[in-house]
Structures are given as C-alpha cells and as structure tokens.
Amino acid sequence: MKHSLKGLLVTVVVAVLVGVLWQKYDKFLSQGQQPPPGTKILNEMEKSGVPDFSLNDLSGQPVKLSQFSDKIVIVNFWASWCEPCVEEFPSLLSLIDHFKGQVILLAISADFEKVDLENFLKAFDAKDPSLYVMWDKDQEVAKLFGTEVLPESYIVGRERVLVRKIAGVDNWYTPDAIEFFNTLVSAQ
C-alpha cells in the first residue's frame, strides 16, 4: 500500500508539472509573437515587391533599381573587408559576364572609406557594363532591405518582384546557377 500511495503521489506531481509547463507553452504560442524586423521587411518585399532606391555610382551618376525593370537584377550588399564577400565576388562577375546584359549586378558597398572599395574593384579588374557599384556609406539602403550581415543578395525579377534572398557567401557561377538564371531570363 505504501508503494501504491508513493506511485500515486509521483503520478500526481508529474501530471501537475506537465500541466503547468503545457500552460506556459500554450501561453507562449498564443502571445502573438512578432517576427524579427528583417522578416517583416522580407515578407513585405514578397507581397509588394522590392523597394526602389537610388544611389550614386562611383562616377557620381544616380542609379535606381527601377531603371532595370525589364532585367533580372542582383542587389548585392558587400564590403572589401568582408572575407566571404571577397570570396564570392569573382563568381558574381562571371555570372553577369555570362549573361551579357541580361542580368545586372547592383553591388552596394558598406565600406567605411570610398578608397577601400575603389581598390577592391581595381584588384578584381571589375569593369563589366552590367556592374553598377555604389557606396551606401550611411547604410540607408541596407536598412531599407533589412540587411545586417554581409554578404547578402536579393535576386529581383522583372517589375521588382523578389525572386530569392541569399544570405552569406554563394558560388554564383555553377551549372545550377546558370540554369536558374536562364529560366529567369527566358521567362516573359
């Protein structure tokens, strides 16, 4: 009888503990937790399109995302001091060279000094006509996109529709990437 009373007591304690934990978990789920700000921005882009922006390129000419509404655009946030950015940049250049003007790269630098990004571009001999390099000194465009970590890229389809977000380094010039972009380019 002592053992059955002890077993019953243990069962009641476990049941109460499970009930309390379930209530806390249920309360947590029903709080209506808000997604992080970056997720809200991404959700809005998927719903309403990628926000237009204007930045000057390195020659001082204004460049707007909307001027490429008939092209596939990669909006790439990077910096010369970012090792993964340095790693992925050659594959981005190879990709846009492959597509000869059908895919545009808007490379938005988060460098602290303009000379750093200019030296970076010289090191890669980055002169493709489909490459537009801009300096987002105050990170205003990065904030607009919810970008906090580099590199980060947004593949934008025609009429500023978000196709995909890529966070972190990627090899942009692989057979799979070429096939993916061929599909985007050929879609009407």
N, C-alpha and C. Protein backbone atom coordinates (compact mmCIF):
# COMPACT_ATOMS: atom_id res chain seq x y z
N MET A 1 0.82 -1.18 0.00
CA MET A 1 0.00 0.00 0.00
C MET A 1 0.87 1.26 0.00
N LYS A 2 1.98 1.21 0.73
CA LYS A 2 2.89 2.33 0.78
C LYS A 2 3.42 2.65 -0.60
N HIS A 3 3.76 1.58 -1.38
CA HIS A 3 4.31 1.79 -2.72
C HIS A 3 3.27 2.36 -3.66
N SER A 4 2.01 1.92 -3.53
CA SER A 4 0.98 2.43 -4.44
C SER A 4 0.64 3.88 -4.11
N LEU A 5 0.70 4.27 -2.84
CA LEU A 5 0.47 5.66 -2.44
C LEU A 5 1.60 6.54 -2.96
N LYS A 6 2.84 6.02 -2.88
CA LYS A 6 4.00 6.74 -3.37
C LYS A 6 3.90 6.89 -4.89
N GLY A 7 3.50 5.85 -5.59
CA GLY A 7 3.34 5.90 -7.05
C GLY A 7 2.27 6.89 -7.46
N LEU A 8 1.16 6.89 -6.69
CA LEU A 8 0.08 7.82 -6.97
C LEU A 8 0.55 9.26 -6.77
N LEU A 9 1.30 9.51 -5.70
CA LEU A 9 1.82 10.83 -5.41
C LEU A 9 2.77 11.29 -6.53
N VAL A 10 3.66 10.40 -6.99
CA VAL A 10 4.58 10.73 -8.08
C VAL A 10 3.79 11.05 -9.35
N THR A 11 2.77 10.25 -9.63
CA THR A 11 1.95 10.47 -10.82
C THR A 11 1.26 11.82 -10.77
N VAL A 12 0.72 12.18 -9.60
CA VAL A 12 0.03 13.47 -9.44
C VAL A 12 1.02 14.62 -9.62
N VAL A 13 2.21 14.52 -9.03
CA VAL A 13 3.23 15.58 -9.14
C VAL A 13 3.64 15.75 -10.60
N VAL A 14 3.90 14.64 -11.30
CA VAL A 14 4.29 14.71 -12.71
C VAL A 14 3.16 15.32 -13.54
N ALA A 15 1.92 14.92 -13.27
CA ALA A 15 0.78 15.45 -14.02
C ALA A 15 0.64 16.95 -13.80
N VAL A 16 0.81 17.41 -12.58
CA VAL A 16 0.72 18.84 -12.28
C VAL A 16 1.85 19.59 -12.98
N LEU A 17 3.04 19.04 -12.92
CA LEU A 17 4.20 19.66 -13.57
C LEU A 17 3.98 19.76 -15.08
N VAL A 18 3.52 18.69 -15.70
CA VAL A 18 3.26 18.69 -17.14
C VAL A 18 2.16 19.72 -17.45
N GLY A 19 1.13 19.79 -16.63
CA GLY A 19 0.05 20.75 -16.84
C GLY A 19 0.54 22.19 -16.78
N VAL A 20 1.38 22.50 -15.79
CA VAL A 20 1.93 23.85 -15.65
C VAL A 20 2.81 24.19 -16.85
N LEU A 21 3.67 23.26 -17.23
CA LEU A 21 4.54 23.51 -18.38
C LEU A 21 3.73 23.68 -19.66
N TRP A 22 2.68 22.88 -19.83
CA TRP A 22 1.85 23.00 -21.03
C TRP A 22 1.16 24.36 -21.07
N GLN A 23 0.69 24.84 -19.91
CA GLN A 23 0.05 26.15 -19.87
C GLN A 23 1.04 27.25 -20.27
N LYS A 24 2.26 27.17 -19.77
CA LYS A 24 3.27 28.17 -20.11
C LYS A 24 3.59 28.11 -21.60
N TYR A 25 3.71 26.91 -22.14
CA TYR A 25 4.00 26.75 -23.56
C TYR A 25 2.84 27.28 -24.40
N ASP A 26 1.61 26.95 -24.02
CA ASP A 26 0.43 27.41 -24.73
C ASP A 26 0.33 28.93 -24.67
N LYS A 27 0.64 29.52 -23.53
CA LYS A 27 0.63 30.97 -23.40
C LYS A 27 1.68 31.59 -24.32
N PHE A 28 2.86 30.98 -24.38
CA PHE A 28 3.93 31.47 -25.26
C PHE A 28 3.47 31.45 -26.71
N LEU A 29 2.83 30.35 -27.13
CA LEU A 29 2.38 30.23 -28.52
C LEU A 29 1.28 31.22 -28.86
N SER A 30 0.45 31.56 -27.90
CA SER A 30 -0.69 32.42 -28.17
C SER A 30 -0.38 33.90 -27.94
N GLN A 31 0.84 34.25 -27.61
CA GLN A 31 1.19 35.65 -27.36
C GLN A 31 1.19 36.49 -28.62
N GLY A 32 1.16 35.86 -29.76
CA GLY A 32 1.22 36.63 -31.00
C GLY A 32 2.60 37.22 -31.19
N GLN A 33 3.61 36.41 -30.97
CA GLN A 33 4.99 36.87 -31.13
C GLN A 33 5.18 37.49 -32.50
N GLN A 34 5.81 38.63 -32.53
CA GLN A 34 6.08 39.32 -33.78
C GLN A 34 7.39 38.80 -34.37
N PRO A 35 7.44 38.64 -35.70
CA PRO A 35 8.69 38.20 -36.32
C PRO A 35 9.75 39.30 -36.20
N PRO A 36 11.01 38.94 -36.32
CA PRO A 36 12.07 39.96 -36.28
C PRO A 36 11.87 40.97 -37.41
N PRO A 37 12.41 42.19 -37.25
CA PRO A 37 12.22 43.23 -38.27
C PRO A 37 12.65 42.79 -39.67
N GLY A 38 13.74 42.06 -39.79
CA GLY A 38 14.20 41.60 -41.10
C GLY A 38 13.18 40.70 -41.78
N THR A 39 12.50 39.88 -40.99
CA THR A 39 11.46 39.00 -41.54
C THR A 39 10.27 39.82 -42.02
N LYS A 40 9.91 40.85 -41.27
CA LYS A 40 8.80 41.72 -41.68
C LYS A 40 9.12 42.38 -43.02
N ILE A 41 10.34 42.87 -43.15
CA ILE A 41 10.75 43.53 -44.40
C ILE A 41 10.71 42.54 -45.55
N LEU A 42 11.24 41.34 -45.33
CA LEU A 42 11.24 40.32 -46.38
C LEU A 42 9.82 39.93 -46.77
N ASN A 43 8.94 39.77 -45.78
CA ASN A 43 7.54 39.45 -46.07
C ASN A 43 6.89 40.56 -46.90
N GLU A 44 7.20 41.79 -46.59
CA GLU A 44 6.65 42.92 -47.35
C GLU A 44 7.18 42.92 -48.78
N MET A 45 8.46 42.60 -48.96
CA MET A 45 9.03 42.53 -50.30
C MET A 45 8.36 41.44 -51.13
N GLU A 46 8.09 40.30 -50.50
CA GLU A 46 7.43 39.20 -51.22
C GLU A 46 6.01 39.59 -51.63
N LYS A 47 5.38 40.41 -50.80
CA LYS A 47 4.00 40.81 -51.06
C LYS A 47 3.92 41.99 -52.04
N SER A 48 4.73 43.02 -51.80
CA SER A 48 4.60 44.28 -52.56
C SER A 48 5.74 44.56 -53.52
N GLY A 49 6.75 43.73 -53.53
CA GLY A 49 7.90 43.97 -54.40
C GLY A 49 9.05 44.60 -53.64
N VAL A 50 10.19 44.59 -54.28
CA VAL A 50 11.41 45.14 -53.68
C VAL A 50 11.34 46.66 -53.74
N PRO A 51 11.68 47.35 -52.66
CA PRO A 51 11.59 48.81 -52.67
C PRO A 51 12.59 49.43 -53.65
N ASP A 52 12.16 50.47 -54.31
CA ASP A 52 13.04 51.20 -55.21
C ASP A 52 14.00 52.03 -54.36
N PHE A 53 15.16 52.28 -54.89
CA PHE A 53 16.13 53.13 -54.22
C PHE A 53 16.99 53.78 -55.28
N SER A 54 17.70 54.82 -54.86
CA SER A 54 18.62 55.50 -55.76
C SER A 54 19.90 55.79 -54.98
N LEU A 55 21.01 55.41 -55.57
CA LEU A 55 22.34 55.72 -55.03
C LEU A 55 23.21 56.15 -56.21
N ASN A 56 24.22 56.94 -55.93
CA ASN A 56 25.16 57.31 -56.98
C ASN A 56 26.18 56.21 -57.15
N ASP A 57 26.54 55.96 -58.41
CA ASP A 57 27.64 55.02 -58.65
C ASP A 57 28.96 55.76 -58.38
N LEU A 58 30.06 55.09 -58.59
CA LEU A 58 31.35 55.69 -58.23
C LEU A 58 31.72 56.89 -59.09
N SER A 59 31.10 57.03 -60.25
CA SER A 59 31.36 58.21 -61.08
C SER A 59 30.40 59.35 -60.75
N GLY A 60 29.52 59.14 -59.77
CA GLY A 60 28.59 60.19 -59.35
C GLY A 60 27.24 60.17 -60.05
N GLN A 61 27.02 59.20 -60.93
CA GLN A 61 25.75 59.10 -61.66
C GLN A 61 24.71 58.36 -60.80
N PRO A 62 23.49 58.89 -60.75
CA PRO A 62 22.45 58.19 -59.97
C PRO A 62 22.04 56.88 -60.65
N VAL A 63 21.86 55.87 -59.84
CA VAL A 63 21.41 54.56 -60.30
C VAL A 63 20.19 54.20 -59.46
N LYS A 64 19.09 53.88 -60.16
CA LYS A 64 17.85 53.48 -59.48
C LYS A 64 17.56 52.03 -59.83
N LEU A 65 17.09 51.28 -58.88
CA LEU A 65 16.68 49.91 -59.15
C LEU A 65 15.62 49.88 -60.24
N SER A 66 14.67 50.79 -60.20
CA SER A 66 13.55 50.79 -61.15
C SER A 66 13.98 51.02 -62.60
N GLN A 67 15.18 51.53 -62.84
CA GLN A 67 15.61 51.72 -64.22
C GLN A 67 15.92 50.39 -64.92
N PHE A 68 15.94 49.30 -64.13
CA PHE A 68 16.22 47.98 -64.68
C PHE A 68 14.99 47.08 -64.61
N SER A 69 13.80 47.66 -64.72
CA SER A 69 12.57 46.89 -64.52
C SER A 69 12.38 45.78 -65.55
N ASP A 70 13.11 45.84 -66.67
CA ASP A 70 12.98 44.81 -67.69
C ASP A 70 14.11 43.78 -67.62
N LYS A 71 14.92 43.84 -66.57
CA LYS A 71 16.08 42.95 -66.41
C LYS A 71 15.96 42.15 -65.12
N ILE A 72 16.78 41.11 -65.04
CA ILE A 72 16.97 40.40 -63.77
C ILE A 72 18.11 41.12 -63.06
N VAL A 73 17.91 41.45 -61.79
CA VAL A 73 18.89 42.24 -61.05
C VAL A 73 19.29 41.50 -59.78
N ILE A 74 20.59 41.50 -59.52
CA ILE A 74 21.10 41.02 -58.23
C ILE A 74 21.51 42.25 -57.44
N VAL A 75 20.85 42.48 -56.31
CA VAL A 75 21.23 43.55 -55.40
C VAL A 75 22.10 42.89 -54.35
N ASN A 76 23.39 43.21 -54.38
CA ASN A 76 24.38 42.55 -53.52
C ASN A 76 24.96 43.55 -52.54
N PHE A 77 24.83 43.25 -51.25
CA PHE A 77 25.42 44.08 -50.20
C PHE A 77 26.73 43.44 -49.79
N TRP A 78 27.82 44.21 -49.78
CA TRP A 78 29.16 43.67 -49.58
C TRP A 78 30.08 44.75 -48.99
N ALA A 79 31.29 44.36 -48.67
CA ALA A 79 32.34 45.30 -48.26
C ALA A 79 33.69 44.67 -48.56
N SER A 80 34.68 45.50 -48.80
CA SER A 80 36.01 44.99 -49.14
C SER A 80 36.67 44.28 -47.97
N TRP A 81 36.29 44.61 -46.74
CA TRP A 81 36.87 43.98 -45.55
C TRP A 81 36.18 42.66 -45.19
N CYS A 82 35.13 42.32 -45.92
CA CYS A 82 34.34 41.12 -45.64
C CYS A 82 34.92 39.95 -46.44
N GLU A 83 35.58 39.02 -45.75
CA GLU A 83 36.23 37.89 -46.43
C GLU A 83 35.27 37.05 -47.28
N PRO A 84 34.07 36.70 -46.80
CA PRO A 84 33.14 35.97 -47.66
C PRO A 84 32.74 36.78 -48.90
N CYS A 85 32.65 38.11 -48.77
CA CYS A 85 32.32 38.95 -49.92
C CYS A 85 33.42 38.86 -50.97
N VAL A 86 34.66 38.89 -50.52
CA VAL A 86 35.81 38.78 -51.42
C VAL A 86 35.77 37.42 -52.12
N GLU A 87 35.41 36.39 -51.37
CA GLU A 87 35.34 35.03 -51.91
C GLU A 87 34.28 34.91 -53.01
N GLU A 88 33.12 35.52 -52.83
CA GLU A 88 32.04 35.33 -53.79
C GLU A 88 32.07 36.30 -54.97
N PHE A 89 32.78 37.41 -54.87
CA PHE A 89 32.74 38.44 -55.90
C PHE A 89 33.15 37.94 -57.30
N PRO A 90 34.21 37.15 -57.44
CA PRO A 90 34.56 36.67 -58.79
C PRO A 90 33.44 35.86 -59.45
N SER A 91 32.72 35.07 -58.68
CA SER A 91 31.63 34.28 -59.29
C SER A 91 30.47 35.18 -59.72
N LEU A 92 30.23 36.27 -59.00
CA LEU A 92 29.22 37.24 -59.43
C LEU A 92 29.62 37.89 -60.75
N LEU A 93 30.90 38.26 -60.85
CA LEU A 93 31.40 38.85 -62.10
C LEU A 93 31.28 37.87 -63.26
N SER A 94 31.61 36.61 -63.02
CA SER A 94 31.50 35.60 -64.08
C SER A 94 30.05 35.41 -64.51
N LEU A 95 29.13 35.44 -63.56
CA LEU A 95 27.71 35.28 -63.89
C LEU A 95 27.22 36.41 -64.78
N ILE A 96 27.49 37.65 -64.40
CA ILE A 96 26.97 38.75 -65.22
C ILE A 96 27.67 38.81 -66.57
N ASP A 97 28.93 38.41 -66.62
CA ASP A 97 29.62 38.35 -67.91
C ASP A 97 28.96 37.29 -68.81
N HIS A 98 28.60 36.17 -68.24
CA HIS A 98 27.95 35.09 -68.98
C HIS A 98 26.64 35.55 -69.63
N PHE A 99 25.88 36.38 -68.93
CA PHE A 99 24.57 36.79 -69.41
C PHE A 99 24.57 38.08 -70.22
N LYS A 100 25.69 38.69 -70.41
CA LYS A 100 25.87 39.81 -71.36
C LYS A 100 24.73 40.84 -71.33
N GLY A 101 24.49 41.41 -70.16
CA GLY A 101 23.50 42.48 -70.06
C GLY A 101 22.10 42.03 -69.69
N GLN A 102 21.84 40.74 -69.65
CA GLN A 102 20.50 40.27 -69.27
C GLN A 102 20.35 40.18 -67.76
N VAL A 103 21.48 40.09 -67.05
CA VAL A 103 21.49 40.08 -65.59
C VAL A 103 22.38 41.24 -65.15
N ILE A 104 21.83 42.08 -64.29
CA ILE A 104 22.52 43.28 -63.81
C ILE A 104 22.92 43.05 -62.36
N LEU A 105 24.12 43.51 -62.00
CA LEU A 105 24.60 43.43 -60.62
C LEU A 105 24.70 44.83 -60.04
N LEU A 106 23.89 45.10 -59.02
CA LEU A 106 23.99 46.34 -58.26
C LEU A 106 24.75 46.00 -56.98
N ALA A 107 26.04 46.31 -56.98
CA ALA A 107 26.92 45.97 -55.87
C ALA A 107 26.98 47.16 -54.93
N ILE A 108 26.39 47.02 -53.76
CA ILE A 108 26.26 48.13 -52.81
C ILE A 108 27.24 47.91 -51.66
N SER A 109 28.22 48.77 -51.60
CA SER A 109 29.31 48.62 -50.64
C SER A 109 28.98 49.26 -49.29
N ALA A 110 29.39 48.56 -48.24
CA ALA A 110 29.26 49.06 -46.87
C ALA A 110 30.62 49.49 -46.33
N ASP A 111 31.57 49.73 -47.23
CA ASP A 111 32.91 50.13 -46.79
C ASP A 111 32.88 51.44 -46.03
N PHE A 112 33.89 51.62 -45.19
CA PHE A 112 33.99 52.83 -44.37
C PHE A 112 34.58 53.99 -45.17
N GLU A 113 35.47 53.69 -46.10
CA GLU A 113 36.11 54.70 -46.93
C GLU A 113 35.95 54.34 -48.40
N LYS A 114 35.65 55.31 -49.23
CA LYS A 114 35.45 55.08 -50.66
C LYS A 114 36.69 54.48 -51.30
N VAL A 115 37.86 54.88 -50.86
CA VAL A 115 39.11 54.38 -51.45
C VAL A 115 39.23 52.87 -51.27
N ASP A 116 38.69 52.33 -50.20
CA ASP A 116 38.75 50.88 -49.97
C ASP A 116 37.98 50.11 -51.04
N LEU A 117 36.79 50.58 -51.35
CA LEU A 117 36.02 49.87 -52.37
C LEU A 117 36.60 50.10 -53.76
N GLU A 118 37.18 51.26 -54.01
CA GLU A 118 37.83 51.51 -55.30
C GLU A 118 39.03 50.58 -55.49
N ASN A 119 39.82 50.39 -54.44
CA ASN A 119 40.97 49.47 -54.51
C ASN A 119 40.52 48.03 -54.71
N PHE A 120 39.44 47.66 -54.06
CA PHE A 120 38.86 46.32 -54.21
C PHE A 120 38.51 46.07 -55.68
N LEU A 121 37.82 47.02 -56.28
CA LEU A 121 37.40 46.87 -57.68
C LEU A 121 38.59 46.80 -58.63
N LYS A 122 39.63 47.59 -58.34
CA LYS A 122 40.85 47.53 -59.16
C LYS A 122 41.49 46.15 -59.07
N ALA A 123 41.51 45.58 -57.88
CA ALA A 123 42.12 44.27 -57.68
C ALA A 123 41.41 43.19 -58.50
N PHE A 124 40.12 43.34 -58.71
CA PHE A 124 39.35 42.37 -59.49
C PHE A 124 39.17 42.79 -60.94
N ASP A 125 39.71 43.94 -61.30
CA ASP A 125 39.54 44.48 -62.65
C ASP A 125 38.06 44.44 -63.05
N ALA A 126 37.23 44.94 -62.14
CA ALA A 126 35.77 44.87 -62.28
C ALA A 126 35.27 46.03 -63.15
N LYS A 127 35.09 45.74 -64.44
CA LYS A 127 34.67 46.78 -65.38
C LYS A 127 33.50 46.35 -66.25
N ASP A 128 32.79 45.32 -65.89
CA ASP A 128 31.68 44.81 -66.71
C ASP A 128 30.59 45.89 -66.82
N PRO A 129 30.05 46.11 -68.02
CA PRO A 129 29.00 47.12 -68.17
C PRO A 129 27.69 46.76 -67.44
N SER A 130 27.54 45.53 -67.01
CA SER A 130 26.35 45.12 -66.25
C SER A 130 26.56 45.26 -64.74
N LEU A 131 27.71 45.80 -64.36
CA LEU A 131 28.06 46.00 -62.94
C LEU A 131 27.93 47.48 -62.59
N TYR A 132 27.13 47.75 -61.57
CA TYR A 132 26.97 49.12 -61.05
C TYR A 132 27.38 49.06 -59.58
N VAL A 133 28.44 49.77 -59.25
CA VAL A 133 28.95 49.76 -57.88
C VAL A 133 28.57 51.08 -57.21
N MET A 134 27.97 50.94 -56.03
CA MET A 134 27.53 52.11 -55.28
C MET A 134 28.02 52.01 -53.85
N TRP A 135 28.16 53.15 -53.23
CA TRP A 135 28.63 53.20 -51.84
C TRP A 135 27.47 53.67 -50.97
N ASP A 136 27.05 52.80 -50.07
CA ASP A 136 25.96 53.08 -49.13
C ASP A 136 26.59 53.45 -47.79
N LYS A 137 27.27 54.58 -47.78
CA LYS A 137 28.07 55.00 -46.62
C LYS A 137 27.30 54.96 -45.30
N ASP A 138 26.08 55.43 -45.32
CA ASP A 138 25.28 55.50 -44.08
C ASP A 138 24.36 54.30 -43.90
N GLN A 139 24.48 53.30 -44.78
CA GLN A 139 23.71 52.06 -44.70
C GLN A 139 22.21 52.27 -44.82
N GLU A 140 21.80 53.33 -45.48
CA GLU A 140 20.37 53.61 -45.63
C GLU A 140 19.66 52.56 -46.50
N VAL A 141 20.29 52.18 -47.60
CA VAL A 141 19.66 51.17 -48.47
C VAL A 141 19.71 49.80 -47.79
N ALA A 142 20.81 49.50 -47.12
CA ALA A 142 20.90 48.23 -46.38
C ALA A 142 19.78 48.14 -45.34
N LYS A 143 19.51 49.23 -44.65
CA LYS A 143 18.42 49.24 -43.67
C LYS A 143 17.06 49.04 -44.35
N LEU A 144 16.89 49.65 -45.51
CA LEU A 144 15.65 49.52 -46.27
C LEU A 144 15.38 48.05 -46.60
N PHE A 145 16.46 47.28 -46.83
CA PHE A 145 16.34 45.86 -47.16
C PHE A 145 16.40 44.97 -45.92
N GLY A 146 16.69 45.54 -44.76
CA GLY A 146 16.81 44.73 -43.55
C GLY A 146 18.13 43.97 -43.47
N THR A 147 19.12 44.43 -44.21
CA THR A 147 20.42 43.76 -44.26
C THR A 147 21.29 44.18 -43.08
N GLU A 148 21.76 43.19 -42.35
CA GLU A 148 22.63 43.46 -41.21
C GLU A 148 23.93 42.69 -41.28
N VAL A 149 23.98 41.64 -42.12
CA VAL A 149 25.16 40.77 -42.22
C VAL A 149 25.58 40.72 -43.68
N LEU A 150 26.88 40.72 -43.91
CA LEU A 150 27.41 40.68 -45.28
C LEU A 150 28.06 39.34 -45.56
N PRO A 151 28.06 38.89 -46.79
CA PRO A 151 27.31 39.40 -47.92
C PRO A 151 25.85 38.96 -47.85
N GLU A 152 25.03 39.74 -48.50
CA GLU A 152 23.62 39.40 -48.61
C GLU A 152 23.14 39.88 -49.97
N SER A 153 22.39 39.04 -50.66
CA SER A 153 21.96 39.37 -52.02
C SER A 153 20.47 39.10 -52.19
N TYR A 154 19.89 39.90 -53.07
CA TYR A 154 18.48 39.77 -53.42
C TYR A 154 18.40 39.63 -54.93
N ILE A 155 17.78 38.56 -55.39
CA ILE A 155 17.56 38.38 -56.82
C ILE A 155 16.19 38.96 -57.11
N VAL A 156 16.20 39.96 -57.98
CA VAL A 156 14.98 40.71 -58.28
C VAL A 156 14.60 40.45 -59.73
N GLY A 157 13.38 40.00 -59.91
CA GLY A 157 12.87 39.76 -61.26
C GLY A 157 12.32 41.02 -61.87
N ARG A 158 11.74 40.85 -63.03
CA ARG A 158 11.15 41.99 -63.73
C ARG A 158 10.08 42.65 -62.85
N GLU A 159 9.95 43.94 -63.01
CA GLU A 159 8.97 44.75 -62.25
C GLU A 159 9.22 44.68 -60.74
N ARG A 160 10.47 44.48 -60.36
CA ARG A 160 10.92 44.50 -58.95
C ARG A 160 10.27 43.43 -58.07
N VAL A 161 9.99 42.27 -58.64
CA VAL A 161 9.46 41.14 -57.87
C VAL A 161 10.63 40.41 -57.22
N LEU A 162 10.55 40.16 -55.91
CA LEU A 162 11.60 39.42 -55.22
C LEU A 162 11.52 37.96 -55.63
N VAL A 163 12.62 37.45 -56.16
CA VAL A 163 12.70 36.05 -56.55
C VAL A 163 13.29 35.23 -55.42
N ARG A 164 14.39 35.73 -54.85
CA ARG A 164 15.06 34.97 -53.79
C ARG A 164 16.02 35.89 -53.03
N LYS A 165 16.19 35.59 -51.75
CA LYS A 165 17.18 36.26 -50.92
C LYS A 165 18.26 35.23 -50.60
N ILE A 166 19.51 35.64 -50.69
CA ILE A 166 20.62 34.74 -50.37
C ILE A 166 21.47 35.43 -49.32
N ALA A 167 21.51 34.83 -48.14
CA ALA A 167 22.32 35.36 -47.05
C ALA A 167 23.60 34.53 -46.95
N GLY A 168 24.73 35.20 -46.93
CA GLY A 168 26.00 34.50 -46.86
C GLY A 168 26.61 34.31 -48.23
N VAL A 169 27.79 33.74 -48.23
CA VAL A 169 28.55 33.55 -49.46
C VAL A 169 27.93 32.46 -50.32
N ASP A 170 28.00 32.65 -51.64
CA ASP A 170 27.49 31.66 -52.57
C ASP A 170 28.38 31.65 -53.80
N ASN A 171 28.43 30.52 -54.49
CA ASN A 171 29.12 30.44 -55.77
C ASN A 171 28.06 30.70 -56.83
N TRP A 172 28.12 31.84 -57.46
CA TRP A 172 27.10 32.28 -58.41
C TRP A 172 27.33 31.73 -59.82
N TYR A 173 28.47 31.11 -60.05
CA TYR A 173 28.76 30.65 -61.40
C TYR A 173 28.95 29.15 -61.42
N THR A 174 27.86 28.44 -61.24
CA THR A 174 27.84 26.98 -61.31
C THR A 174 26.81 26.60 -62.38
N PRO A 175 26.85 25.35 -62.85
CA PRO A 175 25.83 24.94 -63.83
C PRO A 175 24.39 25.14 -63.30
N ASP A 176 24.17 24.86 -62.03
CA ASP A 176 22.83 25.06 -61.46
C ASP A 176 22.43 26.53 -61.45
N ALA A 177 23.39 27.40 -61.10
CA ALA A 177 23.11 28.84 -61.10
C ALA A 177 22.82 29.34 -62.51
N ILE A 178 23.59 28.88 -63.47
CA ILE A 178 23.37 29.28 -64.87
C ILE A 178 21.97 28.84 -65.32
N GLU A 179 21.60 27.61 -64.99
CA GLU A 179 20.28 27.10 -65.35
C GLU A 179 19.17 27.93 -64.69
N PHE A 180 19.35 28.25 -63.41
CA PHE A 180 18.38 29.05 -62.68
C PHE A 180 18.20 30.42 -63.35
N PHE A 181 19.30 31.09 -63.65
CA PHE A 181 19.21 32.41 -64.27
C PHE A 181 18.72 32.33 -65.71
N ASN A 182 19.04 31.26 -66.42
CA ASN A 182 18.48 31.08 -67.77
C ASN A 182 16.96 31.04 -67.70
N THR A 183 16.44 30.34 -66.70
CA THR A 183 14.99 30.26 -66.51
C THR A 183 14.40 31.63 -66.25
N LEU A 184 15.06 32.42 -65.40
CA LEU A 184 14.57 33.76 -65.09
C LEU A 184 14.61 34.67 -66.32
N VAL A 185 15.71 34.61 -67.05
CA VAL A 185 15.91 35.47 -68.21
C VAL A 185 14.89 35.13 -69.31
N SER A 186 14.63 33.85 -69.50
CA SER A 186 13.74 33.45 -70.59
C SER A 186 12.25 33.59 -70.23
N ALA A 187 11.92 33.76 -68.96
CA ALA A 187 10.52 33.93 -68.55
C ALA A 187 10.01 35.29 -69.03
N GLN A 188 8.86 35.31 -69.60
CA GLN A 188 8.31 36.58 -70.10
C GLN A 188 7.19 37.03 -69.22
